[in-house]
PDB file of all heavy atoms in Angstrom:
ATOM      1  N   ALA A   1      12.480  11.395  14.977  1.00  0.00           N
ATOM      2  CA  ALA A   1      13.670  11.896  14.301  1.00  0.00           C
ATOM      3  C   ALA A   1      13.807  13.377  14.634  1.00  0.00           C
ATOM      4  O   ALA A   1      12.837  14.020  15.044  1.00  0.00           O
ATOM      5  CB  ALA A   1      13.532  11.716  12.785  1.00  0.00           C
ATOM      6  N   PRO A   2      15.006  13.958  14.480  1.00  0.00           N
ATOM      7  CA  PRO A   2      15.149  15.404  14.650  1.00  0.00           C
ATOM      8  C   PRO A   2      14.124  16.152  13.806  1.00  0.00           C
ATOM      9  O   PRO A   2      13.698  15.676  12.739  1.00  0.00           O
ATOM     10  CB  PRO A   2      16.582  15.668  14.173  1.00  0.00           C
ATOM     11  CG  PRO A   2      17.301  14.386  14.468  1.00  0.00           C
ATOM     12  CD  PRO A   2      16.303  13.297  14.193  1.00  0.00           C
ATOM     13  N   ASN A   3      13.729  17.325  14.274  1.00  0.00           N
ATOM     14  CA  ASN A   3      12.603  18.033  13.676  1.00  0.00           C
ATOM     15  C   ASN A   3      12.992  18.772  12.387  1.00  0.00           C
ATOM     16  O   ASN A   3      12.902  19.994  12.299  1.00  0.00           O
ATOM     17  CB  ASN A   3      12.020  19.008  14.701  1.00  0.00           C
ATOM     18  CG  ASN A   3      10.649  19.509  14.300  1.00  0.00           C
ATOM     19  OD1 ASN A   3      10.061  19.028  13.347  1.00  0.00           O
ATOM     20  ND2 ASN A   3      10.142  20.481  15.029  1.00  0.00           N
ATOM     21  N   ASP A   4      13.435  17.999  11.396  1.00  0.00           N
ATOM     22  CA  ASP A   4      13.663  18.544  10.059  1.00  0.00           C
ATOM     23  C   ASP A   4      13.240  17.491   9.042  1.00  0.00           C
ATOM     24  O   ASP A   4      13.218  16.288   9.334  1.00  0.00           O
ATOM     25  CB  ASP A   4      15.125  18.957   9.856  1.00  0.00           C
ATOM     26  CG  ASP A   4      16.080  17.781   9.973  1.00  0.00           C
ATOM     27  OD1 ASP A   4      16.217  17.022   8.989  1.00  0.00           O
ATOM     28  OD2 ASP A   4      16.674  17.601  11.060  1.00  0.00           O
ATOM     29  N   VAL A   5      12.887  17.935   7.860  1.00  0.00           N
ATOM     30  CA  VAL A   5      12.309  17.044   6.852  1.00  0.00           C
ATOM     31  C   VAL A   5      13.272  15.947   6.441  1.00  0.00           C
ATOM     32  O   VAL A   5      12.878  14.781   6.279  1.00  0.00           O
ATOM     33  CB  VAL A   5      11.855  17.863   5.628  1.00  0.00           C
ATOM     34  CG1 VAL A   5      11.501  16.936   4.461  1.00  0.00           C
ATOM     35  CG2 VAL A   5      10.659  18.728   5.990  1.00  0.00           C
ATOM     36  N   GLU A   6      14.557  16.276   6.268  1.00  0.00           N
ATOM     37  CA  GLU A   6      15.516  15.276   5.797  1.00  0.00           C
ATOM     38  C   GLU A   6      15.652  14.131   6.797  1.00  0.00           C
ATOM     39  O   GLU A   6      15.670  12.948   6.402  1.00  0.00           O
ATOM     40  CB  GLU A   6      16.873  15.931   5.554  1.00  0.00           C
ATOM     41  CG  GLU A   6      16.914  16.889   4.373  1.00  0.00           C
ATOM     42  CD  GLU A   6      16.193  18.195   4.649  1.00  0.00           C
ATOM     43  OE1 GLU A   6      15.988  18.531   5.845  1.00  0.00           O
ATOM     44  OE2 GLU A   6      15.824  18.883   3.682  1.00  0.00           O
ATOM     45  N   SER A   7      15.736  14.447   8.078  1.00  0.00           N
ATOM     46  CA  SER A   7      15.865  13.409   9.103  1.00  0.00           C
ATOM     47  C   SER A   7      14.596  12.561   9.183  1.00  0.00           C
ATOM     48  O   SER A   7      14.668  11.331   9.319  1.00  0.00           O
ATOM     49  CB  SER A   7      16.157  14.045  10.466  1.00  0.00           C
ATOM     50  OG  SER A   7      17.384  14.730  10.458  1.00  0.00           O
ATOM     51  N   LEU A   8      13.459  13.209   9.099  1.00  0.00           N
ATOM     52  CA  LEU A   8      12.192  12.477   9.166  1.00  0.00           C
ATOM     53  C   LEU A   8      12.043  11.556   7.958  1.00  0.00           C
ATOM     54  O   LEU A   8      11.601  10.398   8.087  1.00  0.00           O
ATOM     55  CB  LEU A   8      11.023  13.456   9.229  1.00  0.00           C
ATOM     56  CG  LEU A   8       9.639  12.856   9.468  1.00  0.00           C
ATOM     57  CD1 LEU A   8       9.563  12.195  10.842  1.00  0.00           C
ATOM     58  CD2 LEU A   8       8.555  13.923   9.344  1.00  0.00           C
ATOM     59  N   ALA A   9      12.425  12.033   6.772  1.00  0.00           N
ATOM     60  CA  ALA A   9      12.334  11.206   5.570  1.00  0.00           C
ATOM     61  C   ALA A   9      13.282  10.016   5.647  1.00  0.00           C
ATOM     62  O   ALA A   9      12.923   8.895   5.248  1.00  0.00           O
ATOM     63  CB  ALA A   9      12.641  12.056   4.337  1.00  0.00           C
ATOM     64  N   ALA A  10      14.482  10.226   6.177  1.00  0.00           N
ATOM     65  CA  ALA A  10      15.452   9.128   6.300  1.00  0.00           C
ATOM     66  C   ALA A  10      14.926   8.052   7.240  1.00  0.00           C
ATOM     67  O   ALA A  10      15.016   6.850   6.953  1.00  0.00           O
ATOM     68  CB  ALA A  10      16.794   9.665   6.788  1.00  0.00           C
ATOM     69  N   LEU A  11      14.361   8.469   8.380  1.00  0.00           N
ATOM     70  CA  LEU A  11      13.819   7.499   9.330  1.00  0.00           C
ATOM     71  C   LEU A  11      12.602   6.788   8.737  1.00  0.00           C
ATOM     72  O   LEU A  11      12.405   5.583   8.963  1.00  0.00           O
ATOM     73  CB  LEU A  11      13.437   8.199  10.633  1.00  0.00           C
ATOM     74  CG  LEU A  11      12.896   7.282  11.740  1.00  0.00           C
ATOM     75  CD1 LEU A  11      13.924   6.228  12.140  1.00  0.00           C
ATOM     76  CD2 LEU A  11      12.478   8.107  12.954  1.00  0.00           C
ATOM     77  N   THR A  12      11.812   7.502   7.976  1.00  0.00           N
ATOM     78  CA  THR A  12      10.647   6.895   7.336  1.00  0.00           C
ATOM     79  C   THR A  12      11.071   5.793   6.370  1.00  0.00           C
ATOM     80  O   THR A  12      10.488   4.701   6.355  1.00  0.00           O
ATOM     81  CB  THR A  12       9.836   7.971   6.580  1.00  0.00           C
ATOM     82  OG1 THR A  12       9.366   8.939   7.516  1.00  0.00           O
ATOM     83  CG2 THR A  12       8.653   7.351   5.848  1.00  0.00           C
ATOM     84  N   PHE A  13      12.095   6.056   5.576  1.00  0.00           N
ATOM     85  CA  PHE A  13      12.584   5.040   4.636  1.00  0.00           C
ATOM     86  C   PHE A  13      13.124   3.829   5.390  1.00  0.00           C
ATOM     87  O   PHE A  13      12.799   2.679   5.058  1.00  0.00           O
ATOM     88  CB  PHE A  13      13.669   5.644   3.733  1.00  0.00           C
ATOM     89  CG  PHE A  13      14.257   4.641   2.773  1.00  0.00           C
ATOM     90  CD1 PHE A  13      13.576   4.291   1.611  1.00  0.00           C
ATOM     91  CD2 PHE A  13      15.484   4.037   3.033  1.00  0.00           C
ATOM     92  CE1 PHE A  13      14.110   3.355   0.728  1.00  0.00           C
ATOM     93  CE2 PHE A  13      16.020   3.108   2.161  1.00  0.00           C
ATOM     94  CZ  PHE A  13      15.325   2.769   0.997  1.00  0.00           C
ATOM     95  N   GLU A  14      13.942   4.069   6.411  1.00  0.00           N
ATOM     96  CA  GLU A  14      14.526   2.964   7.170  1.00  0.00           C
ATOM     97  C   GLU A  14      13.446   2.100   7.832  1.00  0.00           C
ATOM     98  O   GLU A  14      13.540   0.870   7.855  1.00  0.00           O
ATOM     99  CB  GLU A  14      15.458   3.517   8.250  1.00  0.00           C
ATOM    100  CG  GLU A  14      16.706   4.206   7.709  1.00  0.00           C
ATOM    101  CD  GLU A  14      17.466   4.948   8.800  1.00  0.00           C
ATOM    102  OE1 GLU A  14      17.070   4.796   9.987  1.00  0.00           O
ATOM    103  OE2 GLU A  14      18.425   5.666   8.482  1.00  0.00           O
ATOM    104  N   THR A  15      12.420   2.742   8.348  1.00  0.00           N
ATOM    105  CA  THR A  15      11.387   2.018   9.089  1.00  0.00           C
ATOM    106  C   THR A  15      10.457   1.242   8.168  1.00  0.00           C
ATOM    107  O   THR A  15      10.176   0.056   8.388  1.00  0.00           O
ATOM    108  CB  THR A  15      10.561   3.001   9.946  1.00  0.00           C
ATOM    109  OG1 THR A  15      11.438   3.713  10.834  1.00  0.00           O
ATOM    110  CG2 THR A  15       9.511   2.260  10.767  1.00  0.00           C
ATOM    111  N   THR A  16       9.977   1.894   7.121  1.00  0.00           N
ATOM    112  CA  THR A  16       8.947   1.268   6.283  1.00  0.00           C
ATOM    113  C   THR A  16       9.515   0.224   5.327  1.00  0.00           C
ATOM    114  O   THR A  16       8.748  -0.557   4.747  1.00  0.00           O
ATOM    115  CB  THR A  16       8.194   2.345   5.477  1.00  0.00           C
ATOM    116  OG1 THR A  16       9.119   3.100   4.692  1.00  0.00           O
ATOM    117  CG2 THR A  16       7.436   3.273   6.410  1.00  0.00           C
ATOM    118  N   THR A  17      10.825   0.183   5.154  1.00  0.00           N
ATOM    119  CA  THR A  17      11.426  -0.852   4.298  1.00  0.00           C
ATOM    120  C   THR A  17      12.020  -2.001   5.107  1.00  0.00           C
ATOM    121  O   THR A  17      12.626  -2.911   4.536  1.00  0.00           O
ATOM    122  CB  THR A  17      12.530  -0.234   3.407  1.00  0.00           C
ATOM    123  OG1 THR A  17      13.499   0.409   4.236  1.00  0.00           O
ATOM    124  CG2 THR A  17      11.921   0.775   2.433  1.00  0.00           C
ATOM    125  N   SER A  18      11.830  -1.966   6.422  1.00  0.00           N
ATOM    126  CA  SER A  18      12.345  -3.032   7.292  1.00  0.00           C
ATOM    127  C   SER A  18      11.185  -3.801   7.915  1.00  0.00           C
ATOM    128  O   SER A  18      10.479  -3.273   8.785  1.00  0.00           O
ATOM    129  CB  SER A  18      13.222  -2.439   8.402  1.00  0.00           C
ATOM    130  OG  SER A  18      13.518  -3.410   9.384  1.00  0.00           O
ATOM    131  N   ASP A  19      10.972  -5.036   7.467  1.00  0.00           N
ATOM    132  CA  ASP A  19       9.899  -5.846   8.050  1.00  0.00           C
ATOM    133  C   ASP A  19      10.128  -6.073   9.541  1.00  0.00           C
ATOM    134  O   ASP A  19       9.169  -6.081  10.332  1.00  0.00           O
ATOM    135  CB  ASP A  19       9.799  -7.195   7.334  1.00  0.00           C
ATOM    136  CG  ASP A  19       9.130  -7.080   5.971  1.00  0.00           C
ATOM    137  OD1 ASP A  19       8.673  -5.953   5.632  1.00  0.00           O
ATOM    138  OD2 ASP A  19       9.063  -8.095   5.246  1.00  0.00           O
ATOM    139  N   ALA A  20      11.375  -6.247   9.942  1.00  0.00           N
ATOM    140  CA  ALA A  20      11.671  -6.488  11.354  1.00  0.00           C
ATOM    141  C   ALA A  20      11.274  -5.291  12.216  1.00  0.00           C
ATOM    142  O   ALA A  20      10.687  -5.457  13.294  1.00  0.00           O
ATOM    143  CB  ALA A  20      13.152  -6.795  11.535  1.00  0.00           C
ATOM    144  N   GLU A  21      11.575  -4.084  11.740  1.00  0.00           N
ATOM    145  CA  GLU A  21      11.226  -2.883  12.501  1.00  0.00           C
ATOM    146  C   GLU A  21       9.715  -2.669  12.530  1.00  0.00           C
ATOM    147  O   GLU A  21       9.140  -2.313  13.563  1.00  0.00           O
ATOM    148  CB  GLU A  21      11.930  -1.662  11.901  1.00  0.00           C
ATOM    149  CG  GLU A  21      11.693  -0.351  12.636  1.00  0.00           C
ATOM    150  CD  GLU A  21      12.296  -0.306  14.034  1.00  0.00           C
ATOM    151  OE1 GLU A  21      12.829  -1.337  14.516  1.00  0.00           O
ATOM    152  OE2 GLU A  21      12.226   0.761  14.657  1.00  0.00           O
ATOM    153  N   LEU A  22       9.063  -2.905  11.402  1.00  0.00           N
ATOM    154  CA  LEU A  22       7.605  -2.767  11.368  1.00  0.00           C
ATOM    155  C   LEU A  22       6.933  -3.775  12.292  1.00  0.00           C
ATOM    156  O   LEU A  22       5.955  -3.457  12.974  1.00  0.00           O
ATOM    157  CB  LEU A  22       7.092  -2.937   9.939  1.00  0.00           C
ATOM    158  CG  LEU A  22       7.351  -1.786   8.972  1.00  0.00           C
ATOM    159  CD1 LEU A  22       6.878  -2.154   7.570  1.00  0.00           C
ATOM    160  CD2 LEU A  22       6.656  -0.506   9.448  1.00  0.00           C
ATOM    161  N   GLU A  23       7.466  -4.988  12.326  1.00  0.00           N
ATOM    162  CA  GLU A  23       6.895  -6.003  13.217  1.00  0.00           C
ATOM    163  C   GLU A  23       7.087  -5.617  14.676  1.00  0.00           C
ATOM    164  O   GLU A  23       6.177  -5.772  15.502  1.00  0.00           O
ATOM    165  CB  GLU A  23       7.531  -7.360  12.931  1.00  0.00           C
ATOM    166  CG  GLU A  23       7.078  -7.986  11.615  1.00  0.00           C
ATOM    167  CD  GLU A  23       7.855  -9.249  11.278  1.00  0.00           C
ATOM    168  OE1 GLU A  23       8.742  -9.637  12.077  1.00  0.00           O
ATOM    169  OE2 GLU A  23       7.587  -9.842  10.212  1.00  0.00           O
ATOM    170  N   ARG A  24       8.278  -5.108  15.005  1.00  0.00           N
ATOM    171  CA  ARG A  24       8.537  -4.696  16.386  1.00  0.00           C
ATOM    172  C   ARG A  24       7.589  -3.589  16.817  1.00  0.00           C
ATOM    173  O   ARG A  24       6.948  -3.668  17.880  1.00  0.00           O
ATOM    174  CB  ARG A  24       9.984  -4.210  16.523  1.00  0.00           C
ATOM    175  CG  ARG A  24      10.355  -3.776  17.944  1.00  0.00           C
ATOM    176  CD  ARG A  24      11.753  -3.184  18.004  1.00  0.00           C
ATOM    177  NE  ARG A  24      11.833  -1.882  17.367  1.00  0.00           N
ATOM    178  CZ  ARG A  24      11.493  -0.741  17.962  1.00  0.00           C
ATOM    179  NH1 ARG A  24      11.020  -0.747  19.206  1.00  0.00           N
ATOM    180  NH2 ARG A  24      11.614   0.419  17.320  1.00  0.00           N
ATOM    181  N   LEU A  25       7.478  -2.568  16.001  1.00  0.00           N
ATOM    182  CA  LEU A  25       6.597  -1.452  16.335  1.00  0.00           C
ATOM    183  C   LEU A  25       5.134  -1.881  16.343  1.00  0.00           C
ATOM    184  O   LEU A  25       4.345  -1.435  17.183  1.00  0.00           O
ATOM    185  CB  LEU A  25       6.806  -0.304  15.346  1.00  0.00           C
ATOM    186  CG  LEU A  25       8.158   0.406  15.423  1.00  0.00           C
ATOM    187  CD1 LEU A  25       8.346   1.339  14.230  1.00  0.00           C
ATOM    188  CD2 LEU A  25       8.278   1.193  16.728  1.00  0.00           C
ATOM    189  N   GLY A  26       4.772  -2.759  15.407  1.00  0.00           N
ATOM    190  CA  GLY A  26       3.399  -3.246  15.361  1.00  0.00           C
ATOM    191  C   GLY A  26       3.016  -3.993  16.629  1.00  0.00           C
ATOM    192  O   GLY A  26       1.906  -3.833  17.153  1.00  0.00           O
ATOM    193  N   GLU A  27       3.929  -4.807  17.140  1.00  0.00           N
ATOM    194  CA  GLU A  27       3.666  -5.520  18.397  1.00  0.00           C
ATOM    195  C   GLU A  27       3.497  -4.546  19.558  1.00  0.00           C
ATOM    196  O   GLU A  27       2.649  -4.754  20.439  1.00  0.00           O
ATOM    197  CB  GLU A  27       4.806  -6.500  18.676  1.00  0.00           C
ATOM    198  CG  GLU A  27       4.832  -7.697  17.726  1.00  0.00           C
ATOM    199  CD  GLU A  27       6.079  -8.539  17.898  1.00  0.00           C
ATOM    200  OE1 GLU A  27       6.933  -8.179  18.747  1.00  0.00           O
ATOM    201  OE2 GLU A  27       6.208  -9.556  17.188  1.00  0.00           O
ATOM    202  N   GLU A  28       4.278  -3.471  19.553  1.00  0.00           N
ATOM    203  CA  GLU A  28       4.146  -2.477  20.616  1.00  0.00           C
ATOM    204  C   GLU A  28       2.801  -1.759  20.546  1.00  0.00           C
ATOM    205  O   GLU A  28       2.191  -1.470  21.585  1.00  0.00           O
ATOM    206  CB  GLU A  28       5.290  -1.464  20.528  1.00  0.00           C
ATOM    207  CG  GLU A  28       6.652  -2.064  20.887  1.00  0.00           C
ATOM    208  CD  GLU A  28       7.793  -1.088  20.730  1.00  0.00           C
ATOM    209  OE1 GLU A  28       7.563   0.028  20.197  1.00  0.00           O
ATOM    210  OE2 GLU A  28       8.922  -1.412  21.132  1.00  0.00           O
ATOM    211  N   THR A  29       2.323  -1.486  19.336  1.00  0.00           N
ATOM    212  CA  THR A  29       1.013  -0.827  19.227  1.00  0.00           C
ATOM    213  C   THR A  29      -0.089  -1.732  19.764  1.00  0.00           C
ATOM    214  O   THR A  29      -1.050  -1.244  20.378  1.00  0.00           O
ATOM    215  CB  THR A  29       0.686  -0.443  17.771  1.00  0.00           C
ATOM    216  OG1 THR A  29       0.498  -1.622  16.971  1.00  0.00           O
ATOM    217  CG2 THR A  29       1.767   0.424  17.160  1.00  0.00           C
ATOM    218  N   LEU A  30       0.021  -3.031  19.551  1.00  0.00           N
ATOM    219  CA  LEU A  30      -0.999  -3.953  20.049  1.00  0.00           C
ATOM    220  C   LEU A  30      -0.992  -4.011  21.572  1.00  0.00           C
ATOM    221  O   LEU A  30      -2.066  -4.101  22.200  1.00  0.00           O
ATOM    222  CB  LEU A  30      -0.782  -5.351  19.456  1.00  0.00           C
ATOM    223  CG  LEU A  30      -0.884  -5.451  17.927  1.00  0.00           C
ATOM    224  CD1 LEU A  30      -0.671  -6.878  17.464  1.00  0.00           C
ATOM    225  CD2 LEU A  30      -2.234  -4.927  17.444  1.00  0.00           C
ATOM    226  N   LEU A  31       0.186  -3.951  22.175  1.00  0.00           N
ATOM    227  CA  LEU A  31       0.263  -3.919  23.638  1.00  0.00           C
ATOM    228  C   LEU A  31      -0.381  -2.650  24.182  1.00  0.00           C
ATOM    229  O   LEU A  31      -1.105  -2.680  25.190  1.00  0.00           O
ATOM    230  CB  LEU A  31       1.723  -4.011  24.090  1.00  0.00           C
ATOM    231  CG  LEU A  31       2.425  -5.356  23.854  1.00  0.00           C
ATOM    232  CD1 LEU A  31       3.908  -5.243  24.202  1.00  0.00           C
ATOM    233  CD2 LEU A  31       1.769  -6.454  24.692  1.00  0.00           C
ATOM    234  N   LEU A  32      -0.121  -1.526  23.525  1.00  0.00           N
ATOM    235  CA  LEU A  32      -0.734  -0.277  23.947  1.00  0.00           C
ATOM    236  C   LEU A  32      -2.252  -0.340  23.786  1.00  0.00           C
ATOM    237  O   LEU A  32      -3.001   0.132  24.647  1.00  0.00           O
ATOM    238  CB  LEU A  32      -0.174   0.890  23.131  1.00  0.00           C
ATOM    239  CG  LEU A  32       1.260   1.311  23.436  1.00  0.00           C
ATOM    240  CD1 LEU A  32       1.772   2.284  22.387  1.00  0.00           C
ATOM    241  CD2 LEU A  32       1.342   1.940  24.821  1.00  0.00           C
ATOM    242  N   ARG A  33      -2.699  -0.921  22.695  1.00  0.00           N
ATOM    243  CA  ARG A  33      -4.134  -1.021  22.438  1.00  0.00           C
ATOM    244  C   ARG A  33      -4.832  -1.833  23.527  1.00  0.00           C
ATOM    245  O   ARG A  33      -5.945  -1.508  23.951  1.00  0.00           O
ATOM    246  CB  ARG A  33      -4.368  -1.660  21.068  1.00  0.00           C
ATOM    247  CG  ARG A  33      -5.810  -1.616  20.601  1.00  0.00           C
ATOM    248  CD  ARG A  33      -5.922  -2.090  19.171  1.00  0.00           C
ATOM    249  NE  ARG A  33      -5.591  -3.501  19.030  1.00  0.00           N
ATOM    250  CZ  ARG A  33      -5.554  -4.146  17.863  1.00  0.00           C
ATOM    251  NH1 ARG A  33      -5.788  -3.474  16.741  1.00  0.00           N
ATOM    252  NH2 ARG A  33      -5.257  -5.419  17.806  1.00  0.00           N
ATOM    253  N   ASP A  34      -4.158  -2.882  24.018  1.00  0.00           N
ATOM    254  CA  ASP A  34      -4.747  -3.728  25.055  1.00  0.00           C
ATOM    255  C   ASP A  34      -4.724  -3.070  26.431  1.00  0.00           C
ATOM    256  O   ASP A  34      -5.617  -3.300  27.252  1.00  0.00           O
ATOM    257  CB  ASP A  34      -4.007  -5.073  25.125  1.00  0.00           C
ATOM    258  CG  ASP A  34      -4.247  -5.936  23.897  1.00  0.00           C
ATOM    259  OD1 ASP A  34      -5.234  -5.683  23.183  1.00  0.00           O
ATOM    260  OD2 ASP A  34      -3.428  -6.846  23.649  1.00  0.00           O
ATOM    261  N   SER A  35      -3.702  -2.244  26.686  1.00  0.00           N
ATOM    262  CA  SER A  35      -3.546  -1.668  28.027  1.00  0.00           C
ATOM    263  C   SER A  35      -4.180  -0.296  28.181  1.00  0.00           C
ATOM    264  O   SER A  35      -4.410   0.165  29.304  1.00  0.00           O
ATOM    265  CB  SER A  35      -2.053  -1.574  28.388  1.00  0.00           C
ATOM    266  OG  SER A  35      -1.377  -0.681  27.507  1.00  0.00           O
ATOM    267  N   ARG A  36      -4.465   0.373  27.067  1.00  0.00           N
ATOM    268  CA  ARG A  36      -5.011   1.726  27.138  1.00  0.00           C
ATOM    269  C   ARG A  36      -6.397   1.799  26.515  1.00  0.00           C
ATOM    270  O   ARG A  36      -6.646   2.576  25.600  1.00  0.00           O
ATOM    271  CB  ARG A  36      -4.070   2.714  26.455  1.00  0.00           C
ATOM    272  CG  ARG A  36      -2.812   2.968  27.227  1.00  0.00           C
ATOM    273  CD  ARG A  36      -2.160   4.220  26.711  1.00  0.00           C
ATOM    274  NE  ARG A  36      -0.818   4.358  27.231  1.00  0.00           N
ATOM    275  CZ  ARG A  36       0.079   5.194  26.740  1.00  0.00           C
ATOM    276  NH1 ARG A  36      -0.223   5.943  25.701  1.00  0.00           N
ATOM    277  NH2 ARG A  36       1.276   5.270  27.270  1.00  0.00           N
ATOM    278  N   THR A  37      -7.281   0.988  27.021  1.00  0.00           N
ATOM    279  CA  THR A  37      -8.660   1.064  26.560  1.00  0.00           C
ATOM    280  C   THR A  37      -9.312   2.313  27.141  1.00  0.00           C
ATOM    281  O   THR A  37      -8.815   2.914  28.108  1.00  0.00           O
ATOM    282  CB  THR A  37      -9.450  -0.170  27.005  1.00  0.00           C
ATOM    283  OG1 THR A  37      -9.499  -0.183  28.441  1.00  0.00           O
ATOM    284  CG2 THR A  37      -8.796  -1.449  26.497  1.00  0.00           C
ATOM    285  N   VAL A  38     -10.437   2.707  26.565  1.00  0.00           N
ATOM    286  CA  VAL A  38     -11.142   3.867  27.107  1.00  0.00           C
ATOM    287  C   VAL A  38     -11.588   3.591  28.535  1.00  0.00           C
ATOM    288  O   VAL A  38     -11.590   4.488  29.391  1.00  0.00           O
ATOM    289  CB  VAL A  38     -12.333   4.252  26.200  1.00  0.00           C
ATOM    290  CG1 VAL A  38     -13.381   3.151  26.136  1.00  0.00           C
ATOM    291  CG2 VAL A  38     -12.954   5.561  26.667  1.00  0.00           C
ATOM    292  N   GLU A  39     -11.926   2.330  28.832  1.00  0.00           N
ATOM    293  CA  GLU A  39     -12.334   1.979  30.195  1.00  0.00           C
ATOM    294  C   GLU A  39     -11.186   2.178  31.187  1.00  0.00           C
ATOM    295  O   GLU A  39     -11.395   2.620  32.316  1.00  0.00           O
ATOM    296  CB  GLU A  39     -12.846   0.544  30.246  1.00  0.00           C
ATOM    297  CG  GLU A  39     -14.175   0.316  29.551  1.00  0.00           C
ATOM    298  CD  GLU A  39     -14.046   0.215  28.037  1.00  0.00           C
ATOM    299  OE1 GLU A  39     -12.899   0.084  27.540  1.00  0.00           O
ATOM    300  OE2 GLU A  39     -15.082   0.269  27.344  1.00  0.00           O
ATOM    301  N   ASP A  40      -9.956   1.839  30.751  1.00  0.00           N
ATOM    302  CA  ASP A  40      -8.800   2.018  31.624  1.00  0.00           C
ATOM    303  C   ASP A  40      -8.568   3.495  31.915  1.00  0.00           C
ATOM    304  O   ASP A  40      -8.312   3.886  33.057  1.00  0.00           O
ATOM    305  CB  ASP A  40      -7.555   1.411  30.978  1.00  0.00           C
ATOM    306  CG  ASP A  40      -6.293   1.664  31.800  1.00  0.00           C
ATOM    307  OD1 ASP A  40      -6.141   1.026  32.847  1.00  0.00           O
ATOM    308  OD2 ASP A  40      -5.481   2.516  31.378  1.00  0.00           O
ATOM    309  N   THR A  41      -8.651   4.329  30.877  1.00  0.00           N
ATOM    310  CA  THR A  41      -8.466   5.764  31.082  1.00  0.00           C
ATOM    311  C   THR A  41      -9.543   6.331  31.999  1.00  0.00           C
ATOM    312  O   THR A  41      -9.263   7.080  32.941  1.00  0.00           O
ATOM    313  CB  THR A  41      -8.480   6.506  29.734  1.00  0.00           C
ATOM    314  OG1 THR A  41      -7.353   6.100  28.965  1.00  0.00           O
ATOM    315  CG2 THR A  41      -8.432   8.019  29.930  1.00  0.00           C
ATOM    316  N   VAL A  42     -10.799   5.954  31.739  1.00  0.00           N
ATOM    317  CA  VAL A  42     -11.901   6.466  32.552  1.00  0.00           C
ATOM    318  C   VAL A  42     -11.767   6.013  34.004  1.00  0.00           C
ATOM    319  O   VAL A  42     -12.122   6.745  34.934  1.00  0.00           O
ATOM    320  CB  VAL A  42     -13.248   6.027  31.953  1.00  0.00           C
ATOM    321  CG1 VAL A  42     -14.394   6.277  32.921  1.00  0.00           C
ATOM    322  CG2 VAL A  42     -13.508   6.769  30.646  1.00  0.00           C
ATOM    323  N   SER A  43     -11.232   4.816  34.222  1.00  0.00           N
ATOM    324  CA  SER A  43     -11.105   4.306  35.594  1.00  0.00           C
ATOM    325  C   SER A  43     -10.202   5.195  36.445  1.00  0.00           C
ATOM    326  O   SER A  43     -10.395   5.319  37.656  1.00  0.00           O
ATOM    327  CB  SER A  43     -10.571   2.870  35.580  1.00  0.00           C
ATOM    328  OG  SER A  43      -9.200   2.824  35.224  1.00  0.00           O
ATOM    329  N   ARG A  44      -9.208   5.838  35.820  1.00  0.00           N
ATOM    330  CA  ARG A  44      -8.323   6.733  36.554  1.00  0.00           C
ATOM    331  C   ARG A  44      -9.076   7.987  37.007  1.00  0.00           C
ATOM    332  O   ARG A  44      -8.843   8.510  38.099  1.00  0.00           O
ATOM    333  CB  ARG A  44      -7.119   7.106  35.692  1.00  0.00           C
ATOM    334  CG  ARG A  44      -6.259   5.902  35.332  1.00  0.00           C
ATOM    335  CD  ARG A  44      -5.160   6.254  34.344  1.00  0.00           C
ATOM    336  NE  ARG A  44      -4.415   5.067  33.964  1.00  0.00           N
ATOM    337  CZ  ARG A  44      -3.352   4.606  34.617  1.00  0.00           C
ATOM    338  NH1 ARG A  44      -2.927   5.255  35.682  1.00  0.00           N
ATOM    339  NH2 ARG A  44      -2.734   3.528  34.214  1.00  0.00           N
ATOM    340  N   PHE A  45      -9.968   8.469  36.156  1.00  0.00           N
ATOM    341  CA  PHE A  45     -10.816   9.595  36.539  1.00  0.00           C
ATOM    342  C   PHE A  45     -11.812   9.151  37.605  1.00  0.00           C
ATOM    343  O   PHE A  45     -12.073   9.878  38.569  1.00  0.00           O
ATOM    344  CB  PHE A  45     -11.567  10.123  35.317  1.00  0.00           C
ATOM    345  CG  PHE A  45     -10.725  10.860  34.319  1.00  0.00           C
ATOM    346  CD1 PHE A  45      -9.836  10.187  33.496  1.00  0.00           C
ATOM    347  CD2 PHE A  45     -10.826  12.232  34.186  1.00  0.00           C
ATOM    348  CE1 PHE A  45      -9.060  10.864  32.562  1.00  0.00           C
ATOM    349  CE2 PHE A  45     -10.056  12.924  33.253  1.00  0.00           C
ATOM    350  CZ  PHE A  45      -9.171  12.235  32.445  1.00  0.00           C
TER     351      PHE A  45
END
């Protein structure tokens, strides 16, 4: 959200009261968790 408290609070309310949005974001975090293991990061080094 824009870098002010009111905008951040509005987005927080919209996100945390929407099961659909939480599910969408939750699925994305799981994909990141699977693709960005410490082994994957170290392999680039």
